[in-house]
Every structure is written in structure tokens, then in C-alpha cells.
PDB file of N, CA and C in Angstrom:
ATOM      1  N   MET A   1       0.683  -1.307  -0.551  1.00  0.00           N
ATOM      2  CA  MET A   1      -0.341   0.100   0.052  1.00  0.00           C
ATOM      3  C   MET A   1       0.768   1.379  -0.050  1.00  0.00           C
ATOM      4  N   ASP A   2       0.734   2.068  -0.497  1.00  0.00           N
ATOM      5  CA  ASP A   2       1.212   3.374  -0.643  1.00  0.00           C
ATOM      6  C   ASP A   2       1.107   3.882   0.408  1.00  0.00           C
ATOM      7  N   GLU A   3       2.738   4.437   1.105  1.00  0.00           N
ATOM      8  CA  GLU A   3       2.292   5.038   2.446  1.00  0.00           C
ATOM      9  C   GLU A   3       1.971   5.989   2.612  1.00  0.00           C
ATOM     10  N   SER A   4       1.831   7.277   1.671  1.00  0.00           N
ATOM     11  CA  SER A   4       0.548   8.614   1.859  1.00  0.00           C
ATOM     12  C   SER A   4      -0.485   8.187   1.889  1.00  0.00           C
ATOM     13  N   LEU A   5      -1.132   6.759   1.821  1.00  0.00           N
ATOM     14  CA  LEU A   5      -2.368   6.156   1.724  1.00  0.00           C
ATOM     15  C   LEU A   5      -2.719   5.761   3.104  1.00  0.00           C
ATOM     16  N   SER A   6      -1.337   5.529   3.246  1.00  0.00           N
ATOM     17  CA  SER A   6      -1.851   4.543   4.955  1.00  0.00           C
ATOM     18  C   SER A   6      -1.858   5.631   6.317  1.00  0.00           C
ATOM     19  N   ARG A   7      -0.486   6.896   6.465  1.00  0.00           N
ATOM     20  CA  ARG A   7      -0.379   7.309   7.044  1.00  0.00           C
ATOM     21  C   ARG A   7      -0.633   8.696   6.635  1.00  0.00           C
ATOM     22  N   ILE A   8      -1.742   9.123   7.276  1.00  0.00           N
ATOM     23  CA  ILE A   8      -2.444  10.367   6.949  1.00  0.00           C
ATOM     24  C   ILE A   8      -1.798  11.933   8.220  1.00  0.00           C
ATOM     25  N   PRO A   9      -1.389  13.152   7.688  1.00  0.00           N
ATOM     26  CA  PRO A   9      -0.958  13.803   8.870  1.00  0.00           C
ATOM     27  C   PRO A   9      -1.692  14.421   8.735  1.00  0.00           C
ATOM     28  N   VAL A  10      -1.602  14.779  10.230  1.00  0.00           N
ATOM     29  CA  VAL A  10      -2.335  15.747  10.946  1.00  0.00           C
ATOM     30  C   VAL A  10      -2.314  16.999  11.920  1.00  0.00           C
ATOM     31  N   ARG A  11      -2.461  18.079  11.779  1.00  0.00           N
ATOM     32  CA  ARG A  11      -1.942  19.244  12.609  1.00  0.00           C
ATOM     33  C   ARG A  11      -3.535  19.471  14.093  1.00  0.00           C
ATOM     34  N   ILE A  12      -3.158  19.186  14.957  1.00  0.00           N
ATOM     35  CA  ILE A  12      -3.491  19.281  15.965  1.00  0.00           C
ATOM     36  C   ILE A  12      -3.482  20.360  16.821  1.00  0.00           C
ATOM     37  N   LEU A  13      -4.698  21.318  16.948  1.00  0.00           N
ATOM     38  CA  LEU A  13      -4.671  23.071  17.665  1.00  0.00           C
ATOM     39  C   LEU A  13      -4.714  23.152  18.587  1.00  0.00           C
ATOM     40  N   VAL A  14      -4.787  23.420  19.850  1.00  0.00           N
ATOM     41  CA  VAL A  14      -5.434  23.730  21.544  1.00  0.00           C
ATOM     42  C   VAL A  14      -5.535  24.942  21.131  1.00  0.00           C
ATOM     43  N   ASP A  15      -6.640  25.393  21.379  1.00  0.00           N
ATOM     44  CA  ASP A  15      -6.845  27.006  21.509  1.00  0.00           C
ATOM     45  C   ASP A  15      -6.787  27.618  22.783  1.00  0.00           C
ATOM     46  N   GLY A  16      -5.189  28.659  22.075  1.00  0.00           N
ATOM     47  CA  GLY A  16      -5.956  29.646  23.091  1.00  0.00           C
ATOM     48  C   GLY A  16      -3.791  28.758  23.677  1.00  0.00           C
ATOM     49  N   VAL A  17      -3.533  27.576  23.150  1.00  0.00           N
ATOM     50  CA  VAL A  17      -1.909  27.289  23.630  1.00  0.00           C
ATOM     51  C   VAL A  17      -0.818  26.860  22.449  1.00  0.00           C
ATOM     52  N   GLY A  18      -1.568  25.745  21.776  1.00  0.00           N
ATOM     53  CA  GLY A  18      -0.328  25.810  20.403  1.00  0.00           C
ATOM     54  C   GLY A  18      -0.685  25.020  19.567  1.00  0.00           C
ATOM     55  N   GLU A  19       0.076  24.842  18.391  1.00  0.00           N
ATOM     56  CA  GLU A  19       0.264  23.416  17.313  1.00  0.00           C
ATOM     57  C   GLU A  19       1.104  22.177  18.286  1.00  0.00           C
ATOM     58  N   ALA A  20       0.600  21.103  17.588  1.00  0.00           N
ATOM     59  CA  ALA A  20       1.423  19.736  18.073  1.00  0.00           C
ATOM     60  C   ALA A  20       1.333  19.023  16.478  1.00  0.00           C
ATOM     61  N   ARG A  21       1.848  18.271  15.792  1.00  0.00           N
ATOM     62  CA  ARG A  21       1.693  17.917  14.570  1.00  0.00           C
ATOM     63  C   ARG A  21       1.380  15.745  14.878  1.00  0.00           C
ATOM     64  N   GLY A  22       1.030  15.570  13.869  1.00  0.00           N
ATOM     65  CA  GLY A  22       0.651  13.739  14.427  1.00  0.00           C
ATOM     66  C   GLY A  22       0.659  13.198  12.992  1.00  0.00           C
ATOM     67  N   GLU A  23       0.012  11.797  13.438  1.00  0.00           N
ATOM     68  CA  GLU A  23      -0.812  11.101  11.728  1.00  0.00           C
ATOM     69  C   GLU A  23      -1.557   9.977  12.633  1.00  0.00           C
ATOM     70  N   LEU A  24      -2.310   9.841  11.448  1.00  0.00           N
ATOM     71  CA  LEU A  24      -3.679   8.576  11.497  1.00  0.00           C
ATOM     72  C   LEU A  24      -2.710   7.862  10.624  1.00  0.00           C
ATOM     73  N   VAL A  25      -3.468   6.359  10.895  1.00  0.00           N
ATOM     74  CA  VAL A  25      -2.618   5.138  10.817  1.00  0.00           C
ATOM     75  C   VAL A  25      -3.763   3.735  10.111  1.00  0.00           C
ATOM     76  N   ARG A  26      -3.452   3.990   9.371  1.00  0.00           N
ATOM     77  CA  ARG A  26      -4.803   3.417   8.504  1.00  0.00           C
ATOM     78  C   ARG A  26      -4.922   1.774   8.992  1.00  0.00           C
ATOM     79  N   PHE A  27      -3.126   1.672   9.077  1.00  0.00           N
ATOM     80  CA  PHE A  27      -3.430  -0.134   9.215  1.00  0.00           C
ATOM     81  C   PHE A  27      -3.509  -0.576  10.353  1.00  0.00           C
ATOM     82  N   SER A  28      -3.811   1.195  11.180  1.00  0.00           N
ATOM     83  CA  SER A  28      -4.067   0.347  13.586  1.00  0.00           C
ATOM     84  C   SER A  28      -5.608  -0.067  12.760  1.00  0.00           C
ATOM     85  N   ALA A  29      -6.426   0.992  12.712  1.00  0.00           N
ATOM     86  CA  ALA A  29      -7.632   0.481  12.764  1.00  0.00           C
ATOM     87  C   ALA A  29      -8.831   1.041  11.832  1.00  0.00           C
ATOM     88  N   PRO A  30      -8.621   0.677  10.478  1.00  0.00           N
ATOM     89  CA  PRO A  30      -9.113   0.933   9.334  1.00  0.00           C
ATOM     90  C   PRO A  30     -10.379   1.745   9.353  1.00  0.00           C
ATOM     91  N   LEU A  31     -11.014   1.345   9.885  1.00  0.00           N
ATOM     92  CA  LEU A  31     -13.308   1.184   9.324  1.00  0.00           C
ATOM     93  C   LEU A  31     -12.813   2.631  10.834  1.00  0.00           C
ATOM     94  N   THR A  32     -11.821   2.309  11.696  1.00  0.00           N
ATOM     95  CA  THR A  32     -12.285   4.044  12.458  1.00  0.00           C
ATOM     96  C   THR A  32     -11.812   4.987  11.941  1.00  0.00           C
ATOM     97  N   VAL A  33     -10.200   4.358  11.518  1.00  0.00           N
ATOM     98  CA  VAL A  33      -9.679   6.269  10.915  1.00  0.00           C
ATOM     99  C   VAL A  33     -11.273   6.649   9.892  1.00  0.00           C
ATOM    100  N   GLY A  34     -11.337   5.773   8.861  1.00  0.00           N
ATOM    101  CA  GLY A  34     -11.970   6.135   7.928  1.00  0.00           C
ATOM    102  C   GLY A  34     -13.443   7.033   8.419  1.00  0.00           C
ATOM    103  N   ALA A  35     -13.949   6.582   9.744  1.00  0.00           N
ATOM    104  CA  ALA A  35     -14.937   6.919   9.941  1.00  0.00           C
ATOM    105  C   ALA A  35     -14.841   8.383  10.650  1.00  0.00           C
ATOM    106  N   LEU A  36     -13.304   9.059  10.805  1.00  0.00           N
ATOM    107  CA  LEU A  36     -12.796   9.924  11.072  1.00  0.00           C
ATOM    108  C   LEU A  36     -12.436  10.934  10.487  1.00  0.00           C
ATOM    109  N   LEU A  37     -11.690  10.562   9.863  1.00  0.00           N
ATOM    110  CA  LEU A  37     -11.500  11.510   8.213  1.00  0.00           C
ATOM    111  C   LEU A  37     -12.824  11.633   7.736  1.00  0.00           C
ATOM    112  N   SER A  38     -13.899  11.082   7.905  1.00  0.00           N
ATOM    113  CA  SER A  38     -15.453  11.387   7.482  1.00  0.00           C
ATOM    114  C   SER A  38     -15.673  12.487   8.134  1.00  0.00           C
ATOM    115  N   ARG A  39     -15.356  12.992   9.178  1.00  0.00           N
ATOM    116  CA  ARG A  39     -15.699  14.394  10.044  1.00  0.00           C
ATOM    117  C   ARG A  39     -14.964  15.646  10.060  1.00  0.00           C
ATOM    118  N   PHE A  40     -13.783  14.867   9.534  1.00  0.00           N
ATOM    119  CA  PHE A  40     -12.374  15.861   9.900  1.00  0.00           C
ATOM    120  C   PHE A  40     -13.313  17.637   8.845  1.00  0.00           C
ATOM    121  N   PRO A  41     -12.940  18.474   9.738  1.00  0.00           N
ATOM    122  CA  PRO A  41     -12.018  18.733  10.628  1.00  0.00           C
ATOM    123  C   PRO A  41     -12.729  17.780  12.099  1.00  0.00           C
ATOM    124  N   ILE A  42     -12.418  17.631  12.934  1.00  0.00           N
ATOM    125  CA  ILE A  42     -12.763  17.458  14.328  1.00  0.00           C
ATOM    126  C   ILE A  42     -12.708  18.621  15.009  1.00  0.00           C
ATOM    127  N   GLU A  43     -13.523  19.180  15.972  1.00  0.00           N
ATOM    128  CA  GLU A  43     -13.743  20.170  16.959  1.00  0.00           C
ATOM    129  C   GLU A  43     -14.361  19.815  18.268  1.00  0.00           C
ATOM    130  N   GLY A  44     -13.992  19.961  19.439  1.00  0.00           N
ATOM    131  CA  GLY A  44     -14.559  19.728  20.130  1.00  0.00           C
ATOM    132  C   GLY A  44     -13.883  20.442  21.839  1.00  0.00           C
ATOM    133  N   ARG A  45     -14.117  19.399  23.484  1.00  0.00           N
ATOM    134  CA  ARG A  45     -13.219  20.358  24.225  1.00  0.00           C
ATOM    135  C   ARG A  45     -12.701  19.074  24.679  1.00  0.00           C
ATOM    136  N   ALA A  46     -11.731  19.866  25.796  1.00  0.00           N
ATOM    137  CA  ALA A  46     -10.838  18.686  26.287  1.00  0.00           C
ATOM    138  C   ALA A  46     -11.486  18.087  27.854  1.00  0.00           C
ATOM    139  N   HIS A  47     -11.412  17.067  27.841  1.00  0.00           N
ATOM    140  CA  HIS A  47     -11.795  16.521  29.227  1.00  0.00           C
ATOM    141  C   HIS A  47     -10.706  15.236  29.897  1.00  0.00           C
ATOM    142  N   PRO A  48      -9.903  15.667  30.997  1.00  0.00           N
ATOM    143  CA  PRO A  48      -9.284  15.105  31.435  1.00  0.00           C
ATOM    144  C   PRO A  48      -9.712  13.800  31.675  1.00  0.00           C
ATOM    145  N   GLN A  49      -8.327  12.965  30.796  1.00  0.00           N
ATOM    146  CA  GLN A  49      -8.538  11.602  30.740  1.00  0.00           C
ATOM    147  C   GLN A  49      -6.758  10.839  31.270  1.00  0.00           C
ATOM    148  N   SER A  50      -7.353   9.615  32.188  1.00  0.00           N
ATOM    149  CA  SER A  50      -5.442   8.798  32.822  1.00  0.00           C
ATOM    150  C   SER A  50      -4.795   8.961  31.797  1.00  0.00           C
ATOM    151  N   GLY A  51      -3.894   9.793  31.720  1.00  0.00           N
ATOM    152  CA  GLY A  51      -2.856   9.856  31.222  1.00  0.00           C
ATOM    153  C   GLY A  51      -2.724  10.826  30.262  1.00  0.00           C
ATOM    154  N   GLY A  52      -4.155  11.382  29.883  1.00  0.00           N
ATOM    155  CA  GLY A  52      -4.624  11.817  28.883  1.00  0.00           C
ATOM    156  C   GLY A  52      -5.240  12.670  28.801  1.00  0.00           C
ATOM    157  N   PHE A  53      -6.140  13.202  27.707  1.00  0.00           N
ATOM    158  CA  PHE A  53      -7.602  13.887  27.684  1.00  0.00           C
ATOM    159  C   PHE A  53      -8.009  13.258  26.636  1.00  0.00           C
ATOM    160  N   SER A  54      -9.409  13.665  26.350  1.00  0.00           N
ATOM    161  CA  SER A  54     -10.620  12.784  25.817  1.00  0.00           C
ATOM    162  C   SER A  54     -11.164  14.209  24.593  1.00  0.00           C
ATOM    163  N   MET A  55     -11.925  14.172  24.048  1.00  0.00           N
ATOM    164  CA  MET A  55     -12.858  14.693  23.396  1.00  0.00           C
ATOM    165  C   MET A  55     -14.478  14.287  23.094  1.00  0.00           C
ATOM    166  N   ILE A  56     -15.439  14.120  22.519  1.00  0.00           N
ATOM    167  CA  ILE A  56     -16.507  12.846  22.601  1.00  0.00           C
ATOM    168  C   ILE A  56     -16.737  14.204  20.959  1.00  0.00           C
ATOM    169  N   ILE A  57     -16.341  12.455  19.761  1.00  0.00           N
ATOM    170  CA  ILE A  57     -16.719  13.699  18.833  1.00  0.00           C
ATOM    171  C   ILE A  57     -17.842  12.525  17.612  1.00  0.00           C
ATOM    172  N   GLY A  58     -18.352  11.230  18.198  1.00  0.00           N
ATOM    173  CA  GLY A  58     -19.422  10.959  17.717  1.00  0.00           C
ATOM    174  C   GLY A  58     -19.344  10.469  16.798  1.00  0.00           C
ATOM    175  N   ILE A  59     -18.536  10.006  16.941  1.00  0.00           N
ATOM    176  CA  ILE A  59     -18.954   8.858  15.595  1.00  0.00           C
ATOM    177  C   ILE A  59     -19.070   6.541  15.705  1.00  0.00           C
ATOM    178  N   ARG A  60     -19.933   6.165  16.863  1.00  0.00           N
ATOM    179  CA  ARG A  60     -20.064   5.784  17.398  1.00  0.00           C
ATOM    180  C   ARG A  60     -19.607   4.574  16.611  1.00  0.00           C
ATOM    181  N   ARG A  61     -18.539   4.076  16.974  1.00  0.00           N
ATOM    182  CA  ARG A  61     -17.507   2.598  16.382  1.00  0.00           C
ATOM    183  C   ARG A  61     -17.478   1.671  17.432  1.00  0.00           C
ATOM    184  N   GLY A  62     -17.625   0.467  16.696  1.00  0.00           N
ATOM    185  CA  GLY A  62     -17.131  -0.339  18.543  1.00  0.00           C
ATOM    186  C   GLY A  62     -15.612  -1.160  17.489  1.00  0.00           C
ATOM    187  N   SER A  63     -15.637  -1.634  19.114  1.00  0.00           N
ATOM    188  CA  SER A  63     -13.612  -2.206  19.331  1.00  0.00           C
ATOM    189  C   SER A  63     -13.323  -2.567  17.598  1.00  0.00           C
ATOM    190  N   GLU A  64     -12.279  -1.823  17.361  1.00  0.00           N
ATOM    191  CA  GLU A  64     -11.744  -3.064  16.360  1.00  0.00           C
ATOM    192  C   GLU A  64      -9.984  -3.197  16.597  1.00  0.00           C
ATOM    193  N   LYS A  65      -9.083  -3.814  16.684  1.00  0.00           N
ATOM    194  CA  LYS A  65      -8.104  -4.558  17.040  1.00  0.00           C
ATOM    195  C   LYS A  65      -7.526  -3.434  18.749  1.00  0.00           C
ATOM    196  N   GLY A  66      -8.455  -3.190  19.640  1.00  0.00           N
ATOM    197  CA  GLY A  66      -9.130  -3.282  20.760  1.00  0.00           C
ATOM    198  C   GLY A  66      -7.364  -3.088  21.617  1.00  0.00           C
ATOM    199  N   VAL A  67      -7.495  -2.429  22.284  1.00  0.00           N
ATOM    200  CA  VAL A  67      -5.989  -2.609  23.052  1.00  0.00           C
ATOM    201  C   VAL A  67      -6.349  -1.778  24.465  1.00  0.00           C
ATOM    202  N   ARG A  68      -5.619  -2.597  25.640  1.00  0.00           N
ATOM    203  CA  ARG A  68      -5.742  -2.389  26.355  1.00  0.00           C
ATOM    204  C   ARG A  68      -4.903  -1.511  27.446  1.00  0.00           C
ATOM    205  N   SER A  69      -3.738  -0.558  26.960  1.00  0.00           N
ATOM    206  CA  SER A  69      -2.438  -0.157  27.111  1.00  0.00           C
ATOM    207  C   SER A  69      -1.848   0.734  26.041  1.00  0.00           C
ATOM    208  N   VAL A  70      -1.855   1.692  26.164  1.00  0.00           N
ATOM    209  CA  VAL A  70      -1.148   3.626  25.532  1.00  0.00           C
ATOM    210  C   VAL A  70      -0.240   3.310  25.685  1.00  0.00           C
ATOM    211  N   LYS A  71       0.519   3.921  25.205  1.00  0.00           N
ATOM    212  CA  LYS A  71       2.261   5.096  25.102  1.00  0.00           C
ATOM    213  C   LYS A  71       2.046   6.262  24.911  1.00  0.00           C
ATOM    214  N   ALA A  72       2.914   6.666  25.651  1.00  0.00           N
ATOM    215  CA  ALA A  72       2.643   8.294  25.528  1.00  0.00           C
ATOM    216  C   ALA A  72       3.113   8.973  24.242  1.00  0.00           C
ATOM    217  N   GLY A  73       1.999   9.303  23.530  1.00  0.00           N
ATOM    218  CA  GLY A  73       2.175  10.409  22.120  1.00  0.00           C
ATOM    219  C   GLY A  73       1.214   9.385  21.633  1.00  0.00           C
ATOM    220  N   ASP A  74       0.169   8.033  22.040  1.00  0.00           N
ATOM    221  CA  ASP A  74      -0.319   7.297  20.551  1.00  0.00           C
ATOM    222  C   ASP A  74      -2.114   8.149  20.595  1.00  0.00           C
ATOM    223  N   ILE A  75      -2.633   8.659  19.614  1.00  0.00           N
ATOM    224  CA  ILE A  75      -4.083   8.651  20.042  1.00  0.00           C
ATOM    225  C   ILE A  75      -5.231   7.995  19.556  1.00  0.00           C
ATOM    226  N   ALA A  76      -6.288   7.353  20.025  1.00  0.00           N
ATOM    227  CA  ALA A  76      -6.550   6.443  19.985  1.00  0.00           C
ATOM    228  C   ALA A  76      -8.583   6.657  20.201  1.00  0.00           C
ATOM    229  N   TYR A  77      -9.242   6.321  19.668  1.00  0.00           N
ATOM    230  CA  TYR A  77     -10.626   6.368  19.479  1.00  0.00           C
ATOM    231  C   TYR A  77     -11.412   5.226  20.904  1.00  0.00           C
ATOM    232  N   TRP A  78     -11.792   6.227  21.828  1.00  0.00           N
ATOM    233  CA  TRP A  78     -12.000   4.809  23.301  1.00  0.00           C
ATOM    234  C   TRP A  78     -14.395   4.439  22.482  1.00  0.00           C
ATOM    235  N   PRO A  79     -14.177   3.209  22.245  1.00  0.00           N
ATOM    236  CA  PRO A  79     -15.755   3.222  21.992  1.00  0.00           C
ATOM    237  C   PRO A  79     -16.241   3.395  22.962  1.00  0.00           C
ATOM    238  N   MET A  80     -15.964   3.135  24.081  1.00  0.00           N
ATOM    239  CA  MET A  80     -17.281   3.284  25.479  1.00  0.00           C
ATOM    240  C   MET A  80     -17.894   4.783  25.707  1.00  0.00           C
ATOM    241  N   GLY A  81     -16.745   5.678  25.623  1.00  0.00           N
ATOM    242  CA  GLY A  81     -17.147   6.922  25.533  1.00  0.00           C
ATOM    243  C   GLY A  81     -17.422   7.571  24.667  1.00  0.00           C
ATOM    244  N   ASP A  82     -17.412   7.244  23.413  1.00  0.00           N
ATOM    245  CA  ASP A  82     -17.859   7.762  21.986  1.00  0.00           C
ATOM    246  C   ASP A  82     -16.512   8.867  21.982  1.00  0.00           C
ATOM    247  N   ALA A  83     -15.264   8.667  22.021  1.00  0.00           N
ATOM    248  CA  ALA A  83     -14.121   9.781  21.969  1.00  0.00           C
ATOM    249  C   ALA A  83     -12.851   9.366  21.338  1.00  0.00           C
ATOM    250  N   LEU A  84     -11.908  10.753  20.731  1.00  0.00           N
ATOM    251  CA  LEU A  84     -10.528  10.815  20.685  1.00  0.00           C
ATOM    252  C   LEU A  84     -10.020  11.051  22.136  1.00  0.00           C
ATOM    253  N   VAL A  85      -9.135  10.310  22.088  1.00  0.00           N
ATOM    254  CA  VAL A  85      -7.686  10.766  23.615  1.00  0.00           C
ATOM    255  C   VAL A  85      -6.878  10.657  22.674  1.00  0.00           C
ATOM    256  N   ILE A  86      -5.479  11.654  23.292  1.00  0.00           N
ATOM    257  CA  ILE A  86      -4.747  11.767  23.258  1.00  0.00           C
ATOM    258  C   ILE A  86      -3.829  12.150  24.491  1.00  0.00           C
ATOM    259  N   TYR A  87      -2.833  11.017  24.582  1.00  0.00           N
ATOM    260  CA  TYR A  87      -2.205  10.222  25.273  1.00  0.00           C
ATOM    261  C   TYR A  87      -0.912  11.033  25.472  1.00  0.00           C
ATOM    262  N   TYR A  88      -0.571  11.271  26.621  1.00  0.00           N
ATOM    263  CA  TYR A  88       0.776  12.609  26.668  1.00  0.00           C
ATOM    264  C   TYR A  88       1.545  11.334  27.719  1.00  0.00           C
ATOM    265  N   SER A  89       1.181  10.028  28.724  1.00  0.00           N
ATOM    266  CA  SER A  89       1.717   9.778  29.177  1.00  0.00           C
ATOM    267  C   SER A  89       1.076   8.030  28.931  1.00  0.00           C
ATOM    268  N   ASP A  90       2.455   6.573  29.356  1.00  0.00           N
ATOM    269  CA  ASP A  90       1.757   5.185  29.763  1.00  0.00           C
ATOM    270  C   ASP A  90       1.040   5.690  30.032  1.00  0.00           C
ATOM    271  N   SER A  91      -0.469   5.051  29.225  1.00  0.00           N
ATOM    272  CA  SER A  91      -0.913   4.320  30.154  1.00  0.00           C
ATOM    273  C   SER A  91      -2.575   3.309  29.842  1.00  0.00           C
ATOM    274  N   ARG A  92      -2.947   2.812  31.115  1.00  0.00           N
ATOM    275  CA  ARG A  92      -4.236   1.761  30.601  1.00  0.00           C
ATOM    276  C   ARG A  92      -5.404   2.572  30.622  1.00  0.00           C
ATOM    277  N   PRO A  93      -5.655   2.802  29.875  1.00  0.00           N
ATOM    278  CA  PRO A  93      -7.702   2.824  29.279  1.00  0.00           C
ATOM    279  C   PRO A  93      -8.403   2.265  30.847  1.00  0.00           C
ATOM    280  N   TYR A  94      -9.527   2.946  30.700  1.00  0.00           N
ATOM    281  CA  TYR A  94     -10.591   2.536  31.273  1.00  0.00           C
ATOM    282  C   TYR A  94     -11.217   1.333  30.649  1.00  0.00           C
ATOM    283  N   GLY A  95     -11.257   1.727  29.058  1.00  0.00           N
ATOM    284  CA  GLY A  95     -11.630   0.137  28.392  1.00  0.00           C
ATOM    285  C   GLY A  95     -11.264   0.090  27.163  1.00  0.00           C
ATOM    286  N   PRO A  96     -10.882  -1.145  26.798  1.00  0.00           N
ATOM    287  CA  PRO A  96      -9.810  -1.699  25.420  1.00  0.00           C
ATOM    288  C   PRO A  96     -10.156   0.269  24.554  1.00  0.00           C
ATOM    289  N   VAL A  97      -9.221   0.183  23.640  1.00  0.00           N
ATOM    290  CA  VAL A  97      -9.074   1.528  22.555  1.00  0.00           C
ATOM    291  C   VAL A  97      -8.792   0.630  21.566  1.00  0.00           C
ATOM    292  N   ASN A  98      -9.017   1.575  20.740  1.00  0.00           N
ATOM    293  CA  ASN A  98      -8.660   1.835  19.036  1.00  0.00           C
ATOM    294  C   ASN A  98      -7.564   2.451  18.399  1.00  0.00           C
ATOM    295  N   THR A  99      -6.263   2.182  18.763  1.00  0.00           N
ATOM    296  CA  THR A  99      -5.391   3.451  18.505  1.00  0.00           C
ATOM    297  C   THR A  99      -5.355   3.773  17.096  1.00  0.00           C
ATOM    298  N   VAL A 100      -5.250   4.611  16.335  1.00  0.00           N
ATOM    299  CA  VAL A 100      -5.865   5.612  14.921  1.00  0.00           C
ATOM    300  C   VAL A 100      -4.241   5.852  14.773  1.00  0.00           C
ATOM    301  N   GLY A 101      -2.962   6.442  15.347  1.00  0.00           N
ATOM    302  CA  GLY A 101      -2.482   7.663  15.473  1.00  0.00           C
ATOM    303  C   GLY A 101      -1.192   6.928  16.415  1.00  0.00           C
ATOM    304  N   ARG A 102      -0.457   8.731  15.659  1.00  0.00           N
ATOM    305  CA  ARG A 102       0.482   8.990  17.003  1.00  0.00           C
ATOM    306  C   ARG A 102       0.467  10.549  17.299  1.00  0.00           C
ATOM    307  N   VAL A 103       0.786  11.308  17.913  1.00  0.00           N
ATOM    308  CA  VAL A 103       1.596  12.631  18.068  1.00  0.00           C
ATOM    309  C   VAL A 103       2.590  12.883  18.401  1.00  0.00           C
ATOM    310  N   THR A 104       3.577  13.649  16.512  1.00  0.00           N
ATOM    311  CA  THR A 104       4.766  13.460  16.378  1.00  0.00           C
ATOM    312  C   THR A 104       5.242  14.308  16.525  1.00  0.00           C
ATOM    313  N   GLU A 105       5.067  15.593  16.790  1.00  0.00           N
ATOM    314  CA  GLU A 105       5.693  16.444  17.683  1.00  0.00           C
ATOM    315  C   GLU A 105       5.343  17.914  18.204  1.00  0.00           C
ATOM    316  N   ASN A 106       5.665  17.705  19.778  1.00  0.00           N
ATOM    317  CA  ASN A 106       4.734  18.863  20.906  1.00  0.00           C
ATOM    318  C   ASN A 106       4.496  18.279  21.463  1.00  0.00           C
ATOM    319  N   LEU A 107       4.794  16.857  21.342  1.00  0.00           N
ATOM    320  CA  LEU A 107       3.426  16.274  22.601  1.00  0.00           C
ATOM    321  C   LEU A 107       3.107  16.591  24.283  1.00  0.00           C
ATOM    322  N   GLU A 108       4.316  17.561  24.739  1.00  0.00           N
ATOM    323  CA  GLU A 108       4.356  18.302  25.807  1.00  0.00           C
ATOM    324  C   GLU A 108       3.384  18.772  26.098  1.00  0.00           C
ATOM    325  N   LEU A 109       3.207  19.806  25.031  1.00  0.00           N
ATOM    326  CA  LEU A 109       1.913  20.352  24.301  1.00  0.00           C
ATOM    327  C   LEU A 109       0.496  19.983  25.441  1.00  0.00           C
ATOM    328  N   PHE A 110       0.313  18.482  25.487  1.00  0.00           N
ATOM    329  CA  PHE A 110      -1.303  18.235  25.987  1.00  0.00           C
ATOM    330  C   PHE A 110      -0.909  17.872  27.532  1.00  0.00           C
ATOM    331  N   LYS A 111       0.356  18.385  28.573  1.00  0.00           N
ATOM    332  CA  LYS A 111       0.419  17.459  29.688  1.00  0.00           C
ATOM    333  C   LYS A 111      -0.033  19.130  30.563  1.00  0.00           C
ATOM    334  N   GLY A 112       0.574  19.586  29.800  1.00  0.00           N
ATOM    335  CA  GLY A 112      -0.996  21.116  30.888  1.00  0.00           C
ATOM    336  C   GLY A 112      -1.549  21.570  30.870  1.00  0.00           C
ATOM    337  N   LEU A 113      -2.652  20.813  30.229  1.00  0.00           N
ATOM    338  CA  LEU A 113      -4.534  21.122  28.758  1.00  0.00           C
ATOM    339  C   LEU A 113      -5.021  21.003  30.507  1.00  0.00           C
ATOM    340  N   LYS A 114      -6.177  22.296  30.333  1.00  0.00           N
ATOM    341  CA  LYS A 114      -7.425  22.516  31.148  1.00  0.00           C
ATOM    342  C   LYS A 114      -8.323  21.860  30.176  1.00  0.00           C
ATOM    343  N   SER A 115      -9.371  21.943  31.060  1.00  0.00           N
ATOM    344  CA  SER A 115     -10.575  20.306  31.151  1.00  0.00           C
ATOM    345  C   SER A 115     -11.181  22.274  30.239  1.00  0.00           C
ATOM    346  N   GLY A 116     -11.445  21.207  29.373  1.00  0.00           N
ATOM    347  CA  GLY A 116     -12.917  22.787  28.897  1.00  0.00           C
ATOM    348  C   GLY A 116     -12.011  23.020  27.645  1.00  0.00           C
ATOM    349  N   VAL A 117     -10.491  23.536  27.194  1.00  0.00           N
ATOM    350  CA  VAL A 117      -9.961  24.454  26.214  1.00  0.00           C
ATOM    351  C   VAL A 117     -10.781  23.636  24.949  1.00  0.00           C
ATOM    352  N   LYS A 118     -10.918  24.543  24.002  1.00  0.00           N
ATOM    353  CA  LYS A 118     -11.398  23.747  22.698  1.00  0.00           C
ATOM    354  C   LYS A 118      -9.866  23.680  21.633  1.00  0.00           C
ATOM    355  N   ILE A 119     -10.363  22.072  21.301  1.00  0.00           N
ATOM    356  CA  ILE A 119      -9.232  20.920  20.011  1.00  0.00           C
ATOM    357  C   ILE A 119      -9.913  21.282  19.507  1.00  0.00           C
ATOM    358  N   ARG A 120      -8.608  21.501  18.237  1.00  0.00           N
ATOM    359  CA  ARG A 120      -9.547  21.020  16.596  1.00  0.00           C
ATOM    360  C   ARG A 120      -8.267  20.585  15.975  1.00  0.00           C
ATOM    361  N   ILE A 121      -8.775  19.105  15.226  1.00  0.00           N
ATOM    362  CA  ILE A 121      -7.851  18.487  14.707  1.00  0.00           C
ATOM    363  C   ILE A 121      -8.380  18.203  13.036  1.00  0.00           C
ATOM    364  N   GLU A 122      -7.176  18.758  12.080  1.00  0.00           N
ATOM    365  CA  GLU A 122      -7.718  18.599  10.460  1.00  0.00           C
ATOM    366  C   GLU A 122      -6.527  18.508  10.114  1.00  0.00           C
ATOM    367  N   THR A 123      -6.686  17.510   8.604  1.00  0.00           N
ATOM    368  CA  THR A 123      -5.615  17.100   7.645  1.00  0.00           C
ATOM    369  C   THR A 123      -4.316  18.063   7.892  1.00  0.00           C
ATOM    370  N   ALA A 124      -3.659  17.724   7.387  1.00  0.00           N
ATOM    371  CA  ALA A 124      -1.906  18.846   7.512  1.00  0.00           C
ATOM    372  C   ALA A 124      -1.492  19.377   6.697  1.00  0.00           C
TER     373      ALA A 124
END
């Protein structure tokens, strides 16, 4: 498969804080990544979660290659909460998550994030 089709660069804009870069990886969870891309750009509010923050996105997907532990920088979809989660530290999510990508630049941006701050994720 063409690398440009399997890895989609994204920008993560945090209102009043800054910008991070990342990528969605189709191979990790192709149906979930497809559903996310069909909704781009995604906007929401940050909600603190163990090791990261989540934002409700409304795609209502089930588990797809679900995992129960994540690494710092992972971007995952949490089916139980219908939310996208960006992890800034290694963590064990509340339930299985579909890993959909990674933050590749400026991960430290998310460590002090305040609840309710506006987030926008778009293709880069």
C-alpha cells in the first residue's frame, strides 16, 4: 500500500495554547480511521482522562483491534465514551481503545491542558 495513503498527517490545534503534529495510521484501525476522516475537521472540548485527555466526537464505532495499554503520544478512539483520546503518558485506558495514530511533534503541549479548552484536529 502507498505510504501516503496509509499514514495521514494531521495538525492538532489547541485554542490559546499552540499546535502539535501527528499522523493517523489506517493499518491500526482502518474502519475507525475512515470514520474519523469523514468527519474532519474535528472540533471539541478537552476532558482530562488518565494519562491524557479526551474529546467526544460522535462516530459511534465499536472495538477494532482494541488494546488495553497505550504509550505516550498514542491517539486512540475510546468506543465506550465515543471519544478521541490523546495520551501524553503511558497509560491503561478505562476500557479497550482503538489506536488510530500518534502525536509526532510537540507532545508536551498536552501535559498541562485545562478541562474545556477547545481542540481542532485537521489534515495537515
